[in-house]
Amino acid sequence: MSIKLPLKVIPGASREAVLWFAEGLKVKVTTAPEKGQANRAVEALLARRFGLAPAAVNIVNGHSSQQKLVELTGVTLSSIRQTLEQS
């Protein structure tokens, strides 16, 4: 099972965060948007935050934009919301 969610990514933030935002997620990473490093940081942060293997998180669209589409495998929308509400 996998889901796709829109992301708004804020690279170069002062601290990392994952927040529910509109119909998707707002993800802040400290990494600068250079040579795909911020995208890799987003994928790693989402994997850690939701207890997924790194390979279970893939940015599928918007690689050079703040607006992205991410595919998460092995998680449900309700479990994502529950995880975010607990923090």
PDB file of N, CA and C in Angstrom:
ATOM      1  N   MET A   1       0.831  -1.165   0.000  1.00  0.00           N
ATOM      2  CA  MET A   1       0.000   0.000   0.000  1.00  0.00           C
ATOM      3  C   MET A   1       0.879   1.233   0.000  1.00  0.00           C
ATOM      4  N   SER A   2       0.516   2.215  -0.806  1.00  0.00           N
ATOM      5  CA  SER A   2       1.267   3.460  -0.834  1.00  0.00           C
ATOM      6  C   SER A   2       0.298   4.626  -1.036  1.00  0.00           C
ATOM      7  N   ILE A   3       0.737   5.793  -0.608  1.00  0.00           N
ATOM      8  CA  ILE A   3      -0.061   7.003  -0.801  1.00  0.00           C
ATOM      9  C   ILE A   3       0.837   8.076  -1.394  1.00  0.00           C
ATOM     10  N   LYS A   4       0.218   9.018  -2.073  1.00  0.00           N
ATOM     11  CA  LYS A   4       0.946  10.160  -2.614  1.00  0.00           C
ATOM     12  C   LYS A   4       0.388  11.415  -1.965  1.00  0.00           C
ATOM     13  N   LEU A   5       1.294  12.272  -1.514  1.00  0.00           N
ATOM     14  CA  LEU A   5       0.912  13.508  -0.849  1.00  0.00           C
ATOM     15  C   LEU A   5       1.661  14.687  -1.451  1.00  0.00           C
ATOM     16  N   PRO A   6       0.983  15.832  -1.563  1.00  0.00           N
ATOM     17  CA  PRO A   6       1.701  17.030  -1.958  1.00  0.00           C
ATOM     18  C   PRO A   6       2.538  17.550  -0.791  1.00  0.00           C
ATOM     19  N   LEU A   7       3.679  18.116  -1.115  1.00  0.00           N
ATOM     20  CA  LEU A   7       4.571  18.695  -0.108  1.00  0.00           C
ATOM     21  C   LEU A   7       4.854  20.138  -0.465  1.00  0.00           C
ATOM     22  N   LYS A   8       5.007  20.944   0.545  1.00  0.00           N
ATOM     23  CA  LYS A   8       5.619  22.256   0.384  1.00  0.00           C
ATOM     24  C   LYS A   8       6.915  22.170   1.170  1.00  0.00           C
ATOM     25  N   VAL A   9       8.033  22.335   0.495  1.00  0.00           N
ATOM     26  CA  VAL A   9       9.338  22.163   1.112  1.00  0.00           C
ATOM     27  C   VAL A   9       9.989  23.523   1.343  1.00  0.00           C
ATOM     28  N   ILE A  10      10.511  23.700   2.549  1.00  0.00           N
ATOM     29  CA  ILE A  10      11.245  24.901   2.913  1.00  0.00           C
ATOM     30  C   ILE A  10      12.698  24.481   3.182  1.00  0.00           C
ATOM     31  N   PRO A  11      13.580  24.629   2.185  1.00  0.00           N
ATOM     32  CA  PRO A  11      14.988  24.280   2.403  1.00  0.00           C
ATOM     33  C   PRO A  11      15.707  25.403   3.135  1.00  0.00           C
ATOM     34  N   GLY A  12      16.807  25.085   3.776  1.00  0.00           N
ATOM     35  CA  GLY A  12      17.613  26.089   4.467  1.00  0.00           C
ATOM     36  C   GLY A  12      16.949  26.641   5.715  1.00  0.00           C
ATOM     37  N   ALA A  13      16.030  25.879   6.311  1.00  0.00           N
ATOM     38  CA  ALA A  13      15.334  26.318   7.523  1.00  0.00           C
ATOM     39  C   ALA A  13      16.275  26.234   8.726  1.00  0.00           C
ATOM     40  N   SER A  14      15.900  26.902   9.798  1.00  0.00           N
ATOM     41  CA  SER A  14      16.739  26.878  11.000  1.00  0.00           C
ATOM     42  C   SER A  14      16.644  25.543  11.733  1.00  0.00           C
ATOM     43  N   ARG A  15      15.543  24.811  11.532  1.00  0.00           N
ATOM     44  CA  ARG A  15      15.401  23.473  12.129  1.00  0.00           C
ATOM     45  C   ARG A  15      14.459  22.640  11.275  1.00  0.00           C
ATOM     46  N   GLU A  16      14.554  21.331  11.439  1.00  0.00           N
ATOM     47  CA  GLU A  16      13.718  20.418  10.665  1.00  0.00           C
ATOM     48  C   GLU A  16      12.345  20.291  11.298  1.00  0.00           C
ATOM     49  N   ALA A  17      11.322  20.145  10.451  1.00  0.00           N
ATOM     50  CA  ALA A  17       9.960  19.969  10.942  1.00  0.00           C
ATOM     51  C   ALA A  17       9.097  19.351   9.849  1.00  0.00           C
ATOM     52  N   VAL A  18       8.070  18.611  10.289  1.00  0.00           N
ATOM     53  CA  VAL A  18       7.057  18.078   9.389  1.00  0.00           C
ATOM     54  C   VAL A  18       5.713  18.486   9.978  1.00  0.00           C
ATOM     55  N   LEU A  19       4.921  19.206   9.188  1.00  0.00           N
ATOM     56  CA  LEU A  19       3.636  19.734   9.649  1.00  0.00           C
ATOM     57  C   LEU A  19       2.555  19.395   8.642  1.00  0.00           C
ATOM     58  N   TRP A  20       1.321  19.222   9.150  1.00  0.00           N
ATOM     59  CA  TRP A  20       0.190  19.054   8.242  1.00  0.00           C
ATOM     60  C   TRP A  20      -0.113  20.427   7.666  1.00  0.00           C
ATOM     61  N   PHE A  21      -0.300  20.529   6.351  1.00  0.00           N
ATOM     62  CA  PHE A  21      -0.462  21.812   5.683  1.00  0.00           C
ATOM     63  C   PHE A  21      -1.456  21.642   4.542  1.00  0.00           C
ATOM     64  N   ALA A  22      -2.615  22.292   4.645  1.00  0.00           N
ATOM     65  CA  ALA A  22      -3.663  22.187   3.624  1.00  0.00           C
ATOM     66  C   ALA A  22      -4.008  20.709   3.404  1.00  0.00           C
ATOM     67  N   GLU A  23      -3.806  20.205   2.187  1.00  0.00           N
ATOM     68  CA  GLU A  23      -4.107  18.789   1.909  1.00  0.00           C
ATOM     69  C   GLU A  23      -2.874  17.911   1.941  1.00  0.00           C
ATOM     70  N   GLY A  24      -1.761  18.456   2.365  1.00  0.00           N
ATOM     71  CA  GLY A  24      -0.520  17.685   2.346  1.00  0.00           C
ATOM     72  C   GLY A  24       0.373  18.026   3.515  1.00  0.00           C
ATOM     73  N   LEU A  25       1.663  18.028   3.269  1.00  0.00           N
ATOM     74  CA  LEU A  25       2.641  18.251   4.327  1.00  0.00           C
ATOM     75  C   LEU A  25       3.522  19.457   4.006  1.00  0.00           C
ATOM     76  N   LYS A  26       3.924  20.141   5.044  1.00  0.00           N
ATOM     77  CA  LYS A  26       4.933  21.193   4.937  1.00  0.00           C
ATOM     78  C   LYS A  26       6.171  20.628   5.615  1.00  0.00           C
ATOM     79  N   VAL A  27       7.265  20.577   4.891  1.00  0.00           N
ATOM     80  CA  VAL A  27       8.495  19.967   5.391  1.00  0.00           C
ATOM     81  C   VAL A  27       9.606  21.008   5.379  1.00  0.00           C
ATOM     82  N   LYS A  28      10.220  21.204   6.542  1.00  0.00           N
ATOM     83  CA  LYS A  28      11.343  22.132   6.661  1.00  0.00           C
ATOM     84  C   LYS A  28      12.608  21.315   6.881  1.00  0.00           C
ATOM     85  N   VAL A  29      13.619  21.608   6.083  1.00  0.00           N
ATOM     86  CA  VAL A  29      14.920  20.945   6.248  1.00  0.00           C
ATOM     87  C   VAL A  29      16.012  22.012   6.320  1.00  0.00           C
ATOM     88  N   THR A  30      17.074  21.712   7.023  1.00  0.00           N
ATOM     89  CA  THR A  30      18.174  22.655   7.178  1.00  0.00           C
ATOM     90  C   THR A  30      19.106  22.671   5.973  1.00  0.00           C
ATOM     91  N   THR A  31      19.017  21.668   5.156  1.00  0.00           N
ATOM     92  CA  THR A  31      19.886  21.522   3.991  1.00  0.00           C
ATOM     93  C   THR A  31      19.536  22.542   2.911  1.00  0.00           C
ATOM     94  N   ALA A  32      20.542  23.090   2.275  1.00  0.00           N
ATOM     95  CA  ALA A  32      20.345  24.028   1.173  1.00  0.00           C
ATOM     96  C   ALA A  32      19.910  23.271  -0.086  1.00  0.00           C
ATOM     97  N   PRO A  33      19.169  23.949  -0.961  1.00  0.00           N
ATOM     98  CA  PRO A  33      18.694  23.288  -2.189  1.00  0.00           C
ATOM     99  C   PRO A  33      19.764  23.251  -3.280  1.00  0.00           C
ATOM    100  N   GLU A  34      20.796  22.478  -3.059  1.00  0.00           N
ATOM    101  CA  GLU A  34      21.896  22.376  -4.019  1.00  0.00           C
ATOM    102  C   GLU A  34      22.100  20.931  -4.454  1.00  0.00           C
ATOM    103  N   LYS A  35      22.052  20.722  -5.750  1.00  0.00           N
ATOM    104  CA  LYS A  35      22.340  19.410  -6.338  1.00  0.00           C
ATOM    105  C   LYS A  35      21.516  18.280  -5.738  1.00  0.00           C
ATOM    106  N   GLY A  36      20.245  18.543  -5.433  1.00  0.00           N
ATOM    107  CA  GLY A  36      19.350  17.512  -4.916  1.00  0.00           C
ATOM    108  C   GLY A  36      19.531  17.168  -3.450  1.00  0.00           C
ATOM    109  N   GLN A  37      20.409  17.878  -2.748  1.00  0.00           N
ATOM    110  CA  GLN A  37      20.656  17.558  -1.340  1.00  0.00           C
ATOM    111  C   GLN A  37      19.413  17.781  -0.481  1.00  0.00           C
ATOM    112  N   ALA A  38      18.662  18.838  -0.740  1.00  0.00           N
ATOM    113  CA  ALA A  38      17.453  19.101   0.046  1.00  0.00           C
ATOM    114  C   ALA A  38      16.413  18.011  -0.201  1.00  0.00           C
ATOM    115  N   ASN A  39      16.301  17.541  -1.436  1.00  0.00           N
ATOM    116  CA  ASN A  39      15.345  16.457  -1.723  1.00  0.00           C
ATOM    117  C   ASN A  39      15.711  15.198  -0.937  1.00  0.00           C
ATOM    118  N   ARG A  40      16.980  14.869  -0.914  1.00  0.00           N
ATOM    119  CA  ARG A  40      17.416  13.689  -0.154  1.00  0.00           C
ATOM    120  C   ARG A  40      17.155  13.895   1.341  1.00  0.00           C
ATOM    121  N   ALA A  41      17.357  15.106   1.818  1.00  0.00           N
ATOM    122  CA  ALA A  41      17.093  15.400   3.228  1.00  0.00           C
ATOM    123  C   ALA A  41      15.602  15.276   3.544  1.00  0.00           C
ATOM    124  N   VAL A  42      14.755  15.708   2.622  1.00  0.00           N
ATOM    125  CA  VAL A  42      13.299  15.580   2.807  1.00  0.00           C
ATOM    126  C   VAL A  42      12.918  14.105   2.892  1.00  0.00           C
ATOM    127  N   GLU A  43      13.414  13.303   1.962  1.00  0.00           N
ATOM    128  CA  GLU A  43      13.094  11.873   1.968  1.00  0.00           C
ATOM    129  C   GLU A  43      13.567  11.213   3.255  1.00  0.00           C
ATOM    130  N   ALA A  44      14.763  11.535   3.700  1.00  0.00           N
ATOM    131  CA  ALA A  44      15.299  10.941   4.933  1.00  0.00           C
ATOM    132  C   ALA A  44      14.497  11.381   6.152  1.00  0.00           C
ATOM    133  N   LEU A  45      14.131  12.655   6.214  1.00  0.00           N
ATOM    134  CA  LEU A  45      13.348  13.154   7.340  1.00  0.00           C
ATOM    135  C   LEU A  45      11.982  12.480   7.404  1.00  0.00           C
ATOM    136  N   LEU A  46      11.311  12.360   6.266  1.00  0.00           N
ATOM    137  CA  LEU A  46       9.999  11.704   6.253  1.00  0.00           C
ATOM    138  C   LEU A  46      10.107  10.233   6.648  1.00  0.00           C
ATOM    139  N   ALA A  47      11.145   9.562   6.195  1.00  0.00           N
ATOM    140  CA  ALA A  47      11.344   8.154   6.566  1.00  0.00           C
ATOM    141  C   ALA A  47      11.521   8.025   8.080  1.00  0.00           C
ATOM    142  N   ARG A  48      12.360   8.873   8.668  1.00  0.00           N
ATOM    143  CA  ARG A  48      12.570   8.824  10.128  1.00  0.00           C
ATOM    144  C   ARG A  48      11.293   9.164  10.877  1.00  0.00           C
ATOM    145  N   ARG A  49      10.616  10.201  10.434  1.00  0.00           N
ATOM    146  CA  ARG A  49       9.439  10.699  11.148  1.00  0.00           C
ATOM    147  C   ARG A  49       8.313   9.669  11.173  1.00  0.00           C
ATOM    148  N   PHE A  50       8.138   8.937  10.082  1.00  0.00           N
ATOM    149  CA  PHE A  50       7.034   7.983   9.986  1.00  0.00           C
ATOM    150  C   PHE A  50       7.478   6.530  10.143  1.00  0.00           C
ATOM    151  N   GLY A  51       8.723   6.296  10.535  1.00  0.00           N
ATOM    152  CA  GLY A  51       9.213   4.952  10.798  1.00  0.00           C
ATOM    153  C   GLY A  51       9.269   4.077   9.563  1.00  0.00           C
ATOM    154  N   LEU A  52       9.670   4.641   8.463  1.00  0.00           N
ATOM    155  CA  LEU A  52       9.733   3.905   7.201  1.00  0.00           C
ATOM    156  C   LEU A  52      11.178   3.669   6.788  1.00  0.00           C
ATOM    157  N   ALA A  53      11.374   2.667   5.960  1.00  0.00           N
ATOM    158  CA  ALA A  53      12.693   2.450   5.353  1.00  0.00           C
ATOM    159  C   ALA A  53      12.957   3.597   4.385  1.00  0.00           C
ATOM    160  N   PRO A  54      14.202   4.011   4.245  1.00  0.00           N
ATOM    161  CA  PRO A  54      14.505   5.102   3.311  1.00  0.00           C
ATOM    162  C   PRO A  54      13.980   4.864   1.896  1.00  0.00           C
ATOM    163  N   ALA A  55      13.997   3.619   1.456  1.00  0.00           N
ATOM    164  CA  ALA A  55      13.518   3.304   0.107  1.00  0.00           C
ATOM    165  C   ALA A  55      12.001   3.431  -0.034  1.00  0.00           C
ATOM    166  N   ALA A  56      11.284   3.568   1.072  1.00  0.00           N
ATOM    167  CA  ALA A  56       9.819   3.670   1.054  1.00  0.00           C
ATOM    168  C   ALA A  56       9.336   5.099   0.850  1.00  0.00           C
ATOM    169  N   VAL A  57      10.262   6.051   0.729  1.00  0.00           N
ATOM    170  CA  VAL A  57       9.906   7.461   0.550  1.00  0.00           C
ATOM    171  C   VAL A  57      10.570   7.964  -0.724  1.00  0.00           C
ATOM    172  N   ASN A  58       9.749   8.403  -1.682  1.00  0.00           N
ATOM    173  CA  ASN A  58      10.296   8.867  -2.957  1.00  0.00           C
ATOM    174  C   ASN A  58       9.576  10.119  -3.432  1.00  0.00           C
ATOM    175  N   ILE A  59      10.340  11.137  -3.744  1.00  0.00           N
ATOM    176  CA  ILE A  59       9.778  12.318  -4.396  1.00  0.00           C
ATOM    177  C   ILE A  59       9.555  11.939  -5.852  1.00  0.00           C
ATOM    178  N   VAL A  60       8.312  12.020  -6.303  1.00  0.00           N
ATOM    179  CA  VAL A  60       7.990  11.574  -7.658  1.00  0.00           C
ATOM    180  C   VAL A  60       7.756  12.721  -8.629  1.00  0.00           C
ATOM    181  N   ASN A  61       7.599  13.945  -8.104  1.00  0.00           N
ATOM    182  CA  ASN A  61       7.368  15.092  -8.978  1.00  0.00           C
ATOM    183  C   ASN A  61       7.804  16.364  -8.263  1.00  0.00           C
ATOM    184  N   GLY A  62       8.296  17.335  -9.020  1.00  0.00           N
ATOM    185  CA  GLY A  62       8.671  18.620  -8.461  1.00  0.00           C
ATOM    186  C   GLY A  62      10.067  18.662  -7.888  1.00  0.00           C
ATOM    187  N   HIS A  63      10.983  17.933  -8.475  1.00  0.00           N
ATOM    188  CA  HIS A  63      12.343  17.833  -7.936  1.00  0.00           C
ATOM    189  C   HIS A  63      13.056  19.176  -7.812  1.00  0.00           C
ATOM    190  N   SER A  64      12.731  20.137  -8.655  1.00  0.00           N
ATOM    191  CA  SER A  64      13.414  21.437  -8.586  1.00  0.00           C
ATOM    192  C   SER A  64      12.488  22.552  -8.116  1.00  0.00           C
ATOM    193  N   SER A  65      11.399  22.178  -7.473  1.00  0.00           N
ATOM    194  CA  SER A  65      10.410  23.142  -7.007  1.00  0.00           C
ATOM    195  C   SER A  65      10.158  22.972  -5.510  1.00  0.00           C
ATOM    196  N   GLN A  66       9.616  24.011  -4.872  1.00  0.00           N
ATOM    197  CA  GLN A  66       9.207  23.863  -3.472  1.00  0.00           C
ATOM    198  C   GLN A  66       7.956  23.001  -3.367  1.00  0.00           C
ATOM    199  N   GLN A  67       7.148  22.976  -4.410  1.00  0.00           N
ATOM    200  CA  GLN A  67       5.941  22.156  -4.441  1.00  0.00           C
ATOM    201  C   GLN A  67       6.304  20.795  -5.028  1.00  0.00           C
ATOM    202  N   LYS A  68       6.140  19.751  -4.241  1.00  0.00           N
ATOM    203  CA  LYS A  68       6.544  18.406  -4.657  1.00  0.00           C
ATOM    204  C   LYS A  68       5.414  17.415  -4.438  1.00  0.00           C
ATOM    205  N   LEU A  69       5.556  16.249  -5.009  1.00  0.00           N
ATOM    206  CA  LEU A  69       4.657  15.137  -4.761  1.00  0.00           C
ATOM    207  C   LEU A  69       5.525  13.986  -4.270  1.00  0.00           C
ATOM    208  N   VAL A  70       5.166  13.440  -3.103  1.00  0.00           N
ATOM    209  CA  VAL A  70       5.951  12.359  -2.521  1.00  0.00           C
ATOM    210  C   VAL A  70       5.088  11.097  -2.438  1.00  0.00           C
ATOM    211  N   GLU A  71       5.714   9.958  -2.668  1.00  0.00           N
ATOM    212  CA  GLU A  71       5.052   8.666  -2.517  1.00  0.00           C
ATOM    213  C   GLU A  71       5.631   7.980  -1.284  1.00  0.00           C
ATOM    214  N   LEU A  72       4.739   7.590  -0.382  1.00  0.00           N
ATOM    215  CA  LEU A  72       5.122   6.886   0.850  1.00  0.00           C
ATOM    216  C   LEU A  72       4.543   5.482   0.790  1.00  0.00           C
ATOM    217  N   THR A  73       5.381   4.483   0.928  1.00  0.00           N
ATOM    218  CA  THR A  73       4.951   3.093   0.871  1.00  0.00           C
ATOM    219  C   THR A  73       4.978   2.493   2.274  1.00  0.00           C
ATOM    220  N   GLY A  74       3.891   1.811   2.642  1.00  0.00           N
ATOM    221  CA  GLY A  74       3.832   1.136   3.934  1.00  0.00           C
ATOM    222  C   GLY A  74       3.240   1.982   5.042  1.00  0.00           C
ATOM    223  N   VAL A  75       2.483   3.011   4.681  1.00  0.00           N
ATOM    224  CA  VAL A  75       1.877   3.891   5.673  1.00  0.00           C
ATOM    225  C   VAL A  75       0.515   4.348   5.139  1.00  0.00           C
ATOM    226  N   THR A  76      -0.379   4.690   6.051  1.00  0.00           N
ATOM    227  CA  THR A  76      -1.692   5.186   5.655  1.00  0.00           C
ATOM    228  C   THR A  76      -1.808   6.667   5.998  1.00  0.00           C
ATOM    229  N   LEU A  77      -2.761   7.318   5.389  1.00  0.00           N
ATOM    230  CA  LEU A  77      -2.985   8.730   5.670  1.00  0.00           C
ATOM    231  C   LEU A  77      -3.372   8.938   7.128  1.00  0.00           C
ATOM    232  N   SER A  78      -4.194   8.038   7.665  1.00  0.00           N
ATOM    233  CA  SER A  78      -4.595   8.180   9.071  1.00  0.00           C
ATOM    234  C   SER A  78      -3.414   8.002  10.019  1.00  0.00           C
ATOM    235  N   SER A  79      -2.486   7.117   9.699  1.00  0.00           N
ATOM    236  CA  SER A  79      -1.321   6.941  10.573  1.00  0.00           C
ATOM    237  C   SER A  79      -0.382   8.156  10.499  1.00  0.00           C
ATOM    238  N   ILE A  80      -0.314   8.779   9.333  1.00  0.00           N
ATOM    239  CA  ILE A  80       0.492   9.997   9.203  1.00  0.00           C
ATOM    240  C   ILE A  80      -0.106  11.102  10.057  1.00  0.00           C
ATOM    241  N   ARG A  81      -1.408  11.294   9.950  1.00  0.00           N
ATOM    242  CA  ARG A  81      -2.070  12.331  10.745  1.00  0.00           C
ATOM    243  C   ARG A  81      -1.911  12.051  12.237  1.00  0.00           C
ATOM    244  N   GLN A  82      -2.054  10.809  12.630  1.00  0.00           N
ATOM    245  CA  GLN A  82      -1.927  10.439  14.043  1.00  0.00           C
ATOM    246  C   GLN A  82      -0.505  10.732  14.540  1.00  0.00           C
ATOM    247  N   THR A  83       0.492  10.392  13.759  1.00  0.00           N
ATOM    248  CA  THR A  83       1.876  10.658  14.139  1.00  0.00           C
ATOM    249  C   THR A  83       2.121  12.157  14.313  1.00  0.00           C
ATOM    250  N   LEU A  84       1.590  12.948  13.401  1.00  0.00           N
ATOM    251  CA  LEU A  84       1.788  14.394  13.476  1.00  0.00           C
ATOM    252  C   LEU A  84       1.027  15.015  14.651  1.00  0.00           C
ATOM    253  N   GLU A  85      -0.124  14.482  14.972  1.00  0.00           N
ATOM    254  CA  GLU A  85      -0.910  15.002  16.099  1.00  0.00           C
ATOM    255  C   GLU A  85      -0.244  14.695  17.442  1.00  0.00           C
ATOM    256  N   GLN A  86       0.527  13.623  17.510  1.00  0.00           N
ATOM    257  CA  GLN A  86       1.171  13.226  18.760  1.00  0.00           C
ATOM    258  C   GLN A  86       2.400  14.065  19.070  1.00  0.00           C
ATOM    259  N   SER A  87       2.849  14.852  18.118  1.00  0.00           N
ATOM    260  CA  SER A  87       4.063  15.648  18.388  1.00  0.00           C
ATOM    261  C   SER A  87       3.750  17.092  18.717  1.00  0.00           C
TER     262      SER A  87
END
